[in-house]
Structure formats: C-alpha cells, structure tokens
Amino acid sequence: MTDSKGNPIAGAKVEAIDNSSKSSVISITNNAGVFYLEQLRQGSYQLKVNGKYAEPNTITIKADANTLQELNLKLP
C-alpha cells in the first residue's frame, strides 16, 4: 500500500469484511506497505483501510483463485 506520492504506508489497518457473514480478517501493513489477508474463504469481501473504504473496495475469492494474489489498495 502506498500513498498518493508512491511512498509506502506503514502501520495501516487493512480489513476484509465477508459480505455474507460480516466476519472480518485484519492485517497491519509493514514498513514496506505490504500486508497479508490470510485464510480468506470463497466469497466477496468489502475492503477498508483505517476504517475507510479502499479502492478497489471489494474483492471476490473464487474456488480457482491463486492462493497468493497481489492487490494494490488506494484510499479515495
């Protein structure tokens, strides 16, 4: 995750909220702005960063999805 100038954002709270169960998985970005959302099951998730919706604000995990995916988030 980077800011508008391309600098890494450290210590940001990234949250994936399951649209059906409303349960969530949380990660904190490291010094390089990298985060890991682990153990996400199949389904659609709303994405928030520090409590605000991110762009993209939804992701969908499908049965045939790669186990490791890169996702670049931005705050609107």
PDB file of N, CA and C in Angstrom:
ATOM      1  N   MET A   1       0.847  -1.150   0.000  1.00  0.00           N
ATOM      2  CA  MET A   1       0.000   0.000   0.000  1.00  0.00           C
ATOM      3  C   MET A   1       0.903   1.227   0.000  1.00  0.00           C
ATOM      4  N   THR A   2       0.557   2.174  -0.865  1.00  0.00           N
ATOM      5  CA  THR A   2       1.334   3.411  -0.954  1.00  0.00           C
ATOM      6  C   THR A   2       0.402   4.613  -0.900  1.00  0.00           C
ATOM      7  N   ASP A   3       0.986   5.758  -0.567  1.00  0.00           N
ATOM      8  CA  ASP A   3       0.200   6.990  -0.572  1.00  0.00           C
ATOM      9  C   ASP A   3       0.180   7.574  -1.979  1.00  0.00           C
ATOM     10  N   SER A   4      -0.409   8.746  -2.130  1.00  0.00           N
ATOM     11  CA  SER A   4      -0.550   9.352  -3.459  1.00  0.00           C
ATOM     12  C   SER A   4       0.784   9.699  -4.102  1.00  0.00           C
ATOM     13  N   LYS A   5       1.851   9.785  -3.303  1.00  0.00           N
ATOM     14  CA  LYS A   5       3.188  10.092  -3.835  1.00  0.00           C
ATOM     15  C   LYS A   5       4.012   8.840  -4.085  1.00  0.00           C
ATOM     16  N   GLY A   6       3.415   7.662  -3.824  1.00  0.00           N
ATOM     17  CA  GLY A   6       4.129   6.410  -4.052  1.00  0.00           C
ATOM     18  C   GLY A   6       4.945   5.937  -2.882  1.00  0.00           C
ATOM     19  N   ASN A   7       4.830   6.600  -1.729  1.00  0.00           N
ATOM     20  CA  ASN A   7       5.569   6.192  -0.535  1.00  0.00           C
ATOM     21  C   ASN A   7       4.805   5.101   0.209  1.00  0.00           C
ATOM     22  N   PRO A   8       5.506   4.079   0.726  1.00  0.00           N
ATOM     23  CA  PRO A   8       4.826   3.017   1.471  1.00  0.00           C
ATOM     24  C   PRO A   8       4.124   3.571   2.708  1.00  0.00           C
ATOM     25  N   ILE A   9       2.969   3.014   3.016  1.00  0.00           N
ATOM     26  CA  ILE A   9       2.235   3.389   4.222  1.00  0.00           C
ATOM     27  C   ILE A   9       2.421   2.269   5.237  1.00  0.00           C
ATOM     28  N   ALA A  10       3.135   2.553   6.306  1.00  0.00           N
ATOM     29  CA  ALA A  10       3.375   1.573   7.368  1.00  0.00           C
ATOM     30  C   ALA A  10       2.336   1.733   8.470  1.00  0.00           C
ATOM     31  N   GLY A  11       1.940   0.619   9.081  1.00  0.00           N
ATOM     32  CA  GLY A  11       1.047   0.649  10.228  1.00  0.00           C
ATOM     33  C   GLY A  11      -0.415   0.883   9.915  1.00  0.00           C
ATOM     34  N   ALA A  12      -0.827   0.751   8.651  1.00  0.00           N
ATOM     35  CA  ALA A  12      -2.235   0.921   8.292  1.00  0.00           C
ATOM     36  C   ALA A  12      -2.999  -0.372   8.593  1.00  0.00           C
ATOM     37  N   LYS A  13      -4.209  -0.245   9.095  1.00  0.00           N
ATOM     38  CA  LYS A  13      -5.071  -1.398   9.381  1.00  0.00           C
ATOM     39  C   LYS A  13      -5.892  -1.709   8.135  1.00  0.00           C
ATOM     40  N   VAL A  14      -5.674  -2.896   7.560  1.00  0.00           N
ATOM     41  CA  VAL A  14      -6.406  -3.347   6.377  1.00  0.00           C
ATOM     42  C   VAL A  14      -7.386  -4.422   6.830  1.00  0.00           C
ATOM     43  N   GLU A  15      -8.660  -4.243   6.480  1.00  0.00           N
ATOM     44  CA  GLU A  15      -9.703  -5.167   6.929  1.00  0.00           C
ATOM     45  C   GLU A  15     -10.513  -5.667   5.737  1.00  0.00           C
ATOM     46  N   ALA A  16     -10.700  -6.987   5.670  1.00  0.00           N
ATOM     47  CA  ALA A  16     -11.564  -7.615   4.669  1.00  0.00           C
ATOM     48  C   ALA A  16     -12.787  -8.141   5.403  1.00  0.00           C
ATOM     49  N   ILE A  17     -13.976  -7.615   5.056  1.00  0.00           N
ATOM     50  CA  ILE A  17     -15.213  -7.964   5.734  1.00  0.00           C
ATOM     51  C   ILE A  17     -16.046  -8.848   4.799  1.00  0.00           C
ATOM     52  N   ASP A  18     -16.338 -10.062   5.243  1.00  0.00           N
ATOM     53  CA  ASP A  18     -17.127 -11.005   4.460  1.00  0.00           C
ATOM     54  C   ASP A  18     -18.537 -10.451   4.287  1.00  0.00           C
ATOM     55  N   ASN A  19     -18.995 -10.305   3.035  1.00  0.00           N
ATOM     56  CA  ASN A  19     -20.311  -9.734   2.764  1.00  0.00           C
ATOM     57  C   ASN A  19     -21.457 -10.575   3.305  1.00  0.00           C
ATOM     58  N   SER A  20     -21.293 -11.902   3.400  1.00  0.00           N
ATOM     59  CA  SER A  20     -22.398 -12.742   3.860  1.00  0.00           C
ATOM     60  C   SER A  20     -22.404 -12.916   5.377  1.00  0.00           C
ATOM     61  N   SER A  21     -21.266 -13.200   5.983  1.00  0.00           N
ATOM     62  CA  SER A  21     -21.233 -13.470   7.425  1.00  0.00           C
ATOM     63  C   SER A  21     -20.879 -12.240   8.268  1.00  0.00           C
ATOM     64  N   LYS A  22     -20.344 -11.207   7.614  1.00  0.00           N
ATOM     65  CA  LYS A  22     -19.896  -9.976   8.284  1.00  0.00           C
ATOM     66  C   LYS A  22     -18.694 -10.198   9.196  1.00  0.00           C
ATOM     67  N   SER A  23     -18.089 -11.404   9.148  1.00  0.00           N
ATOM     68  CA  SER A  23     -16.852 -11.627   9.881  1.00  0.00           C
ATOM     69  C   SER A  23     -15.726 -10.928   9.123  1.00  0.00           C
ATOM     70  N   SER A  24     -14.612 -10.683   9.803  1.00  0.00           N
ATOM     71  CA  SER A  24     -13.535  -9.954   9.130  1.00  0.00           C
ATOM     72  C   SER A  24     -12.171 -10.553   9.432  1.00  0.00           C
ATOM     73  N   VAL A  25     -11.244 -10.259   8.541  1.00  0.00           N
ATOM     74  CA  VAL A  25      -9.835 -10.604   8.695  1.00  0.00           C
ATOM     75  C   VAL A  25      -9.077  -9.288   8.649  1.00  0.00           C
ATOM     76  N   ILE A  26      -8.160  -9.101   9.588  1.00  0.00           N
ATOM     77  CA  ILE A  26      -7.436  -7.834   9.703  1.00  0.00           C
ATOM     78  C   ILE A  26      -5.938  -8.070   9.551  1.00  0.00           C
ATOM     79  N   SER A  27      -5.278  -7.132   8.910  1.00  0.00           N
ATOM     80  CA  SER A  27      -3.826  -7.146   8.762  1.00  0.00           C
ATOM     81  C   SER A  27      -3.312  -5.722   8.963  1.00  0.00           C
ATOM     82  N   ILE A  28      -2.074  -5.605   9.357  1.00  0.00           N
ATOM     83  CA  ILE A  28      -1.414  -4.309   9.517  1.00  0.00           C
ATOM     84  C   ILE A  28      -0.256  -4.255   8.522  1.00  0.00           C
ATOM     85  N   THR A  29      -0.146  -3.138   7.783  1.00  0.00           N
ATOM     86  CA  THR A  29       0.945  -3.026   6.807  1.00  0.00           C
ATOM     87  C   THR A  29       2.290  -2.910   7.511  1.00  0.00           C
ATOM     88  N   ASN A  30       3.312  -3.484   6.891  1.00  0.00           N
ATOM     89  CA  ASN A  30       4.664  -3.374   7.439  1.00  0.00           C
ATOM     90  C   ASN A  30       5.341  -2.103   6.916  1.00  0.00           C
ATOM     91  N   ASN A  31       6.625  -1.935   7.188  1.00  0.00           N
ATOM     92  CA  ASN A  31       7.348  -0.722   6.778  1.00  0.00           C
ATOM     93  C   ASN A  31       7.380  -0.522   5.271  1.00  0.00           C
ATOM     94  N   ALA A  32       7.204  -1.600   4.510  1.00  0.00           N
ATOM     95  CA  ALA A  32       7.208  -1.509   3.052  1.00  0.00           C
ATOM     96  C   ALA A  32       5.791  -1.326   2.504  1.00  0.00           C
ATOM     97  N   GLY A  33       4.786  -1.228   3.400  1.00  0.00           N
ATOM     98  CA  GLY A  33       3.400  -1.074   2.972  1.00  0.00           C
ATOM     99  C   GLY A  33       2.747  -2.383   2.560  1.00  0.00           C
ATOM    100  N   VAL A  34       3.386  -3.506   2.880  1.00  0.00           N
ATOM    101  CA  VAL A  34       2.890  -4.829   2.492  1.00  0.00           C
ATOM    102  C   VAL A  34       1.995  -5.383   3.602  1.00  0.00           C
ATOM    103  N   PHE A  35       0.916  -6.054   3.201  1.00  0.00           N
ATOM    104  CA  PHE A  35       0.016  -6.685   4.158  1.00  0.00           C
ATOM    105  C   PHE A  35      -0.409  -8.036   3.614  1.00  0.00           C
ATOM    106  N   TYR A  36      -0.858  -8.913   4.503  1.00  0.00           N
ATOM    107  CA  TYR A  36      -1.326 -10.241   4.120  1.00  0.00           C
ATOM    108  C   TYR A  36      -2.690 -10.479   4.754  1.00  0.00           C
ATOM    109  N   LEU A  37      -3.684 -10.791   3.934  1.00  0.00           N
ATOM    110  CA  LEU A  37      -5.002 -11.186   4.419  1.00  0.00           C
ATOM    111  C   LEU A  37      -5.072 -12.699   4.243  1.00  0.00           C
ATOM    112  N   GLU A  38      -4.870 -13.415   5.347  1.00  0.00           N
ATOM    113  CA  GLU A  38      -4.758 -14.871   5.278  1.00  0.00           C
ATOM    114  C   GLU A  38      -6.062 -15.563   5.635  1.00  0.00           C
ATOM    115  N   GLN A  39      -6.204 -16.767   5.107  1.00  0.00           N
ATOM    116  CA  GLN A  39      -7.327 -17.646   5.405  1.00  0.00           C
ATOM    117  C   GLN A  39      -8.670 -17.113   4.901  1.00  0.00           C
ATOM    118  N   LEU A  40      -8.670 -16.320   3.823  1.00  0.00           N
ATOM    119  CA  LEU A  40      -9.936 -15.857   3.258  1.00  0.00           C
ATOM    120  C   LEU A  40     -10.598 -17.017   2.523  1.00  0.00           C
ATOM    121  N   ARG A  41     -11.858 -17.252   2.836  1.00  0.00           N
ATOM    122  CA  ARG A  41     -12.625 -18.310   2.176  1.00  0.00           C
ATOM    123  C   ARG A  41     -13.259 -17.755   0.902  1.00  0.00           C
ATOM    124  N   GLN A  42     -13.832 -18.637   0.112  1.00  0.00           N
ATOM    125  CA  GLN A  42     -14.524 -18.194  -1.093  1.00  0.00           C
ATOM    126  C   GLN A  42     -15.621 -17.215  -0.719  1.00  0.00           C
ATOM    127  N   GLY A  43     -15.768 -16.173  -1.523  1.00  0.00           N
ATOM    128  CA  GLY A  43     -16.821 -15.199  -1.282  1.00  0.00           C
ATOM    129  C   GLY A  43     -16.380 -13.802  -1.649  1.00  0.00           C
ATOM    130  N   SER A  44     -17.252 -12.831  -1.369  1.00  0.00           N
ATOM    131  CA  SER A  44     -16.972 -11.422  -1.649  1.00  0.00           C
ATOM    132  C   SER A  44     -16.694 -10.698  -0.345  1.00  0.00           C
ATOM    133  N   TYR A  45     -15.755  -9.755  -0.397  1.00  0.00           N
ATOM    134  CA  TYR A  45     -15.328  -9.023   0.784  1.00  0.00           C
ATOM    135  C   TYR A  45     -15.288  -7.525   0.501  1.00  0.00           C
ATOM    136  N   GLN A  46     -15.715  -6.734   1.471  1.00  0.00           N
ATOM    137  CA  GLN A  46     -15.544  -5.284   1.436  1.00  0.00           C
ATOM    138  C   GLN A  46     -14.167  -5.000   2.032  1.00  0.00           C
ATOM    139  N   LEU A  47     -13.444  -4.055   1.469  1.00  0.00           N
ATOM    140  CA  LEU A  47     -12.108  -3.720   1.953  1.00  0.00           C
ATOM    141  C   LEU A  47     -12.089  -2.337   2.579  1.00  0.00           C
ATOM    142  N   LYS A  48     -11.526  -2.256   3.779  1.00  0.00           N
ATOM    143  CA  LYS A  48     -11.373  -0.973   4.457  1.00  0.00           C
ATOM    144  C   LYS A  48      -9.921  -0.805   4.884  1.00  0.00           C
ATOM    145  N   VAL A  49      -9.468   0.430   4.858  1.00  0.00           N
ATOM    146  CA  VAL A  49      -8.146   0.783   5.359  1.00  0.00           C
ATOM    147  C   VAL A  49      -8.346   1.873   6.389  1.00  0.00           C
ATOM    148  N   ASN A  50      -7.909   1.602   7.600  1.00  0.00           N
ATOM    149  CA  ASN A  50      -8.095   2.538   8.714  1.00  0.00           C
ATOM    150  C   ASN A  50      -9.547   3.002   8.824  1.00  0.00           C
ATOM    151  N   GLY A  51     -10.486   2.065   8.606  1.00  0.00           N
ATOM    152  CA  GLY A  51     -11.904   2.347   8.766  1.00  0.00           C
ATOM    153  C   GLY A  51     -12.585   2.995   7.574  1.00  0.00           C
ATOM    154  N   LYS A  52     -11.854   3.272   6.500  1.00  0.00           N
ATOM    155  CA  LYS A  52     -12.435   3.890   5.304  1.00  0.00           C
ATOM    156  C   LYS A  52     -12.373   2.896   4.152  1.00  0.00           C
ATOM    157  N   TYR A  53     -13.397   2.935   3.297  1.00  0.00           N
ATOM    158  CA  TYR A  53     -13.396   2.027   2.155  1.00  0.00           C
ATOM    159  C   TYR A  53     -12.225   2.330   1.236  1.00  0.00           C
ATOM    160  N   ALA A  54     -11.575   1.285   0.775  1.00  0.00           N
ATOM    161  CA  ALA A  54     -10.411   1.402  -0.097  1.00  0.00           C
ATOM    162  C   ALA A  54     -10.861   1.287  -1.548  1.00  0.00           C
ATOM    163  N   GLU A  55      -9.942   1.560  -2.464  1.00  0.00           N
ATOM    164  CA  GLU A  55     -10.162   1.328  -3.888  1.00  0.00           C
ATOM    165  C   GLU A  55      -9.127   0.314  -4.355  1.00  0.00           C
ATOM    166  N   PRO A  56      -9.527  -0.842  -4.873  1.00  0.00           N
ATOM    167  CA  PRO A  56     -10.912  -1.277  -5.036  1.00  0.00           C
ATOM    168  C   PRO A  56     -11.529  -1.568  -3.672  1.00  0.00           C
ATOM    169  N   ASN A  57     -12.857  -1.428  -3.560  1.00  0.00           N
ATOM    170  CA  ASN A  57     -13.480  -1.619  -2.254  1.00  0.00           C
ATOM    171  C   ASN A  57     -14.072  -3.010  -2.070  1.00  0.00           C
ATOM    172  N   THR A  58     -14.010  -3.848  -3.099  1.00  0.00           N
ATOM    173  CA  THR A  58     -14.453  -5.238  -2.954  1.00  0.00           C
ATOM    174  C   THR A  58     -13.498  -6.168  -3.692  1.00  0.00           C
ATOM    175  N   ILE A  59     -13.390  -7.366  -3.155  1.00  0.00           N
ATOM    176  CA  ILE A  59     -12.670  -8.445  -3.845  1.00  0.00           C
ATOM    177  C   ILE A  59     -13.541  -9.687  -3.764  1.00  0.00           C
ATOM    178  N   THR A  60     -13.372 -10.575  -4.718  1.00  0.00           N
ATOM    179  CA  THR A  60     -14.092 -11.844  -4.715  1.00  0.00           C
ATOM    180  C   THR A  60     -13.070 -12.964  -4.803  1.00  0.00           C
ATOM    181  N   ILE A  61     -13.165 -13.898  -3.866  1.00  0.00           N
ATOM    182  CA  ILE A  61     -12.292 -15.066  -3.860  1.00  0.00           C
ATOM    183  C   ILE A  61     -13.090 -16.223  -4.453  1.00  0.00           C
ATOM    184  N   LYS A  62     -12.566 -16.821  -5.522  1.00  0.00           N
ATOM    185  CA  LYS A  62     -13.237 -17.934  -6.200  1.00  0.00           C
ATOM    186  C   LYS A  62     -12.466 -19.224  -5.953  1.00  0.00           C
ATOM    187  N   ALA A  63     -13.118 -20.340  -6.210  1.00  0.00           N
ATOM    188  CA  ALA A  63     -12.513 -21.657  -5.975  1.00  0.00           C
ATOM    189  C   ALA A  63     -11.226 -21.840  -6.765  1.00  0.00           C
ATOM    190  N   ASP A  64     -11.155 -21.265  -7.973  1.00  0.00           N
ATOM    191  CA  ASP A  64      -9.978 -21.456  -8.813  1.00  0.00           C
ATOM    192  C   ASP A  64      -8.962 -20.325  -8.682  1.00  0.00           C
ATOM    193  N   ALA A  65      -9.118 -19.463  -7.675  1.00  0.00           N
ATOM    194  CA  ALA A  65      -8.196 -18.335  -7.488  1.00  0.00           C
ATOM    195  C   ALA A  65      -6.831 -18.818  -7.016  1.00  0.00           C
ATOM    196  N   ASN A  66      -5.788 -18.080  -7.411  1.00  0.00           N
ATOM    197  CA  ASN A  66      -4.445 -18.376  -6.914  1.00  0.00           C
ATOM    198  C   ASN A  66      -4.420 -18.216  -5.403  1.00  0.00           C
ATOM    199  N   THR A  67      -3.595 -19.007  -4.740  1.00  0.00           N
ATOM    200  CA  THR A  67      -3.538 -18.924  -3.282  1.00  0.00           C
ATOM    201  C   THR A  67      -2.835 -17.656  -2.807  1.00  0.00           C
ATOM    202  N   LEU A  68      -2.029 -17.042  -3.661  1.00  0.00           N
ATOM    203  CA  LEU A  68      -1.358 -15.786  -3.318  1.00  0.00           C
ATOM    204  C   LEU A  68      -1.635 -14.791  -4.438  1.00  0.00           C
ATOM    205  N   GLN A  69      -2.286 -13.679  -4.092  1.00  0.00           N
ATOM    206  CA  GLN A  69      -2.626 -12.660  -5.077  1.00  0.00           C
ATOM    207  C   GLN A  69      -2.111 -11.317  -4.605  1.00  0.00           C
ATOM    208  N   GLU A  70      -1.676 -10.517  -5.552  1.00  0.00           N
ATOM    209  CA  GLU A  70      -1.230  -9.162  -5.227  1.00  0.00           C
ATOM    210  C   GLU A  70      -2.393  -8.196  -5.440  1.00  0.00           C
ATOM    211  N   LEU A  71      -2.590  -7.323  -4.479  1.00  0.00           N
ATOM    212  CA  LEU A  71      -3.668  -6.364  -4.519  1.00  0.00           C
ATOM    213  C   LEU A  71      -3.128  -5.005  -4.081  1.00  0.00           C
ATOM    214  N   ASN A  72      -3.230  -4.022  -4.943  1.00  0.00           N
ATOM    215  CA  ASN A  72      -2.753  -2.678  -4.616  1.00  0.00           C
ATOM    216  C   ASN A  72      -3.942  -1.822  -4.224  1.00  0.00           C
ATOM    217  N   LEU A  73      -3.996  -1.418  -2.967  1.00  0.00           N
ATOM    218  CA  LEU A  73      -5.103  -0.624  -2.454  1.00  0.00           C
ATOM    219  C   LEU A  73      -4.751   0.850  -2.436  1.00  0.00           C
ATOM    220  N   LYS A  74      -5.785   1.675  -2.623  1.00  0.00           N
ATOM    221  CA  LYS A  74      -5.647   3.132  -2.541  1.00  0.00           C
ATOM    222  C   LYS A  74      -6.794   3.659  -1.711  1.00  0.00           C
ATOM    223  N   LEU A  75      -6.562   4.743  -1.012  1.00  0.00           N
ATOM    224  CA  LEU A  75      -7.639   5.424  -0.315  1.00  0.00           C
ATOM    225  C   LEU A  75      -8.206   6.509  -1.239  1.00  0.00           C
ATOM    226  N   PRO A  76      -9.544   6.621  -1.295  1.00  0.00           N
ATOM    227  CA  PRO A  76     -10.154   7.616  -2.187  1.00  0.00           C
ATOM    228  C   PRO A  76      -9.870   9.033  -1.732  1.00  0.00           C
TER     229      PRO A  76
END
